[in-house]
Structures are given as structure tokens and as C-alpha cells.
Amino acid sequence: MNVVDTPGTNVILQRQQRLTEEFVPRADMILFVISADRPLTESE
């Protein structure tokens, strides 16, 4: 098993956003970690 920490969403640099968007479809499983004290944004 490999664990990959991608930059996520809503990042400042567009290349980081693209990296995440390109990786997600290739993953067998996604663990989405969020803060419990703030709601999700529309893009999340």
C-alpha cells in the first residue's frame, strides 16, 4: 500500500490543483481529511 499526500484543493498554485486532479482518478482509494470545525466549500 502506498499513501500519497496531494496538495489538495483550493491551493494558490494552479499546478498543485492540476496534480491533485490528475492523481485522483488513478487512485484505488481516497482518504479525504477535513476540519471538523468548518464546513466544506463547493469545490471540496
C-alpha atoms as a PDB file:
ATOM      1  CA  MET A   1       0.000   0.000   0.000  1.00  0.00           C
ATOM      2  CA  ASN A   2       1.233   3.494  -0.879  1.00  0.00           C
ATOM      3  CA  VAL A   3      -0.011   6.655   0.788  1.00  0.00           C
ATOM      4  CA  VAL A   4       0.269   9.846  -1.269  1.00  0.00           C
ATOM      5  CA  ASP A   5      -0.327  13.284   0.227  1.00  0.00           C
ATOM      6  CA  THR A   6      -1.502  15.505  -2.626  1.00  0.00           C
ATOM      7  CA  PRO A   7      -1.697  19.304  -2.366  1.00  0.00           C
ATOM      8  CA  GLY A   8      -5.481  19.136  -2.167  1.00  0.00           C
ATOM      9  CA  THR A   9      -7.989  21.646  -3.490  1.00  0.00           C
ATOM     10  CA  ASN A  10      -8.252  25.425  -3.207  1.00  0.00           C
ATOM     11  CA  VAL A  11      -4.480  25.843  -3.465  1.00  0.00           C
ATOM     12  CA  ILE A  12      -2.725  29.010  -4.578  1.00  0.00           C
ATOM     13  CA  LEU A  13      -0.665  27.471  -7.391  1.00  0.00           C
ATOM     14  CA  GLN A  14      -2.690  26.037 -10.283  1.00  0.00           C
ATOM     15  CA  ARG A  15      -0.098  23.311 -10.941  1.00  0.00           C
ATOM     16  CA  GLN A  16      -0.809  21.931  -7.451  1.00  0.00           C
ATOM     17  CA  GLN A  17      -4.535  21.797  -8.214  1.00  0.00           C
ATOM     18  CA  ARG A  18      -3.832  20.014 -11.527  1.00  0.00           C
ATOM     19  CA  LEU A  19      -1.577  17.492  -9.774  1.00  0.00           C
ATOM     20  CA  THR A  20      -4.404  16.557  -7.410  1.00  0.00           C
ATOM     21  CA  GLU A  21      -6.996  16.420 -10.215  1.00  0.00           C
ATOM     22  CA  GLU A  22      -4.744  14.137 -12.289  1.00  0.00           C
ATOM     23  CA  PHE A  23      -3.944  11.804  -9.400  1.00  0.00           C
ATOM     24  CA  VAL A  24      -7.448  11.238  -8.019  1.00  0.00           C
ATOM     25  CA  PRO A  25      -8.817   9.212 -10.998  1.00  0.00           C
ATOM     26  CA  ARG A  26      -5.814   6.862 -10.789  1.00  0.00           C
ATOM     27  CA  ALA A  27      -6.247   6.131  -7.076  1.00  0.00           C
ATOM     28  CA  ASP A  28      -7.903   2.935  -5.840  1.00  0.00           C
ATOM     29  CA  MET A  29      -8.986   4.655  -2.630  1.00  0.00           C
ATOM     30  CA  ILE A  30      -9.181   8.259  -1.430  1.00  0.00           C
ATOM     31  CA  LEU A  31      -8.976   9.367   2.196  1.00  0.00           C
ATOM     32  CA  PHE A  32     -10.390  12.888   2.322  1.00  0.00           C
ATOM     33  CA  VAL A  33      -9.346  14.658   5.543  1.00  0.00           C
ATOM     34  CA  ILE A  34     -11.221  17.804   6.532  1.00  0.00           C
ATOM     35  CA  SER A  35     -11.508  20.073   9.527  1.00  0.00           C
ATOM     36  CA  ALA A  36     -14.460  19.313  11.795  1.00  0.00           C
ATOM     37  CA  ASP A  37     -14.902  22.965  12.754  1.00  0.00           C
ATOM     38  CA  ARG A  38     -15.580  24.427   9.288  1.00  0.00           C
ATOM     39  CA  PRO A  39     -17.978  23.393   6.528  1.00  0.00           C
ATOM     40  CA  LEU A  40     -16.863  22.084   3.143  1.00  0.00           C
ATOM     41  CA  THR A  41     -16.558  24.575   0.314  1.00  0.00           C
ATOM     42  CA  GLU A  42     -18.298  23.996  -3.014  1.00  0.00           C
ATOM     43  CA  SER A  43     -15.039  22.899  -4.672  1.00  0.00           C
ATOM     44  CA  GLU A  44     -14.268  20.370  -1.932  1.00  0.00           C
END
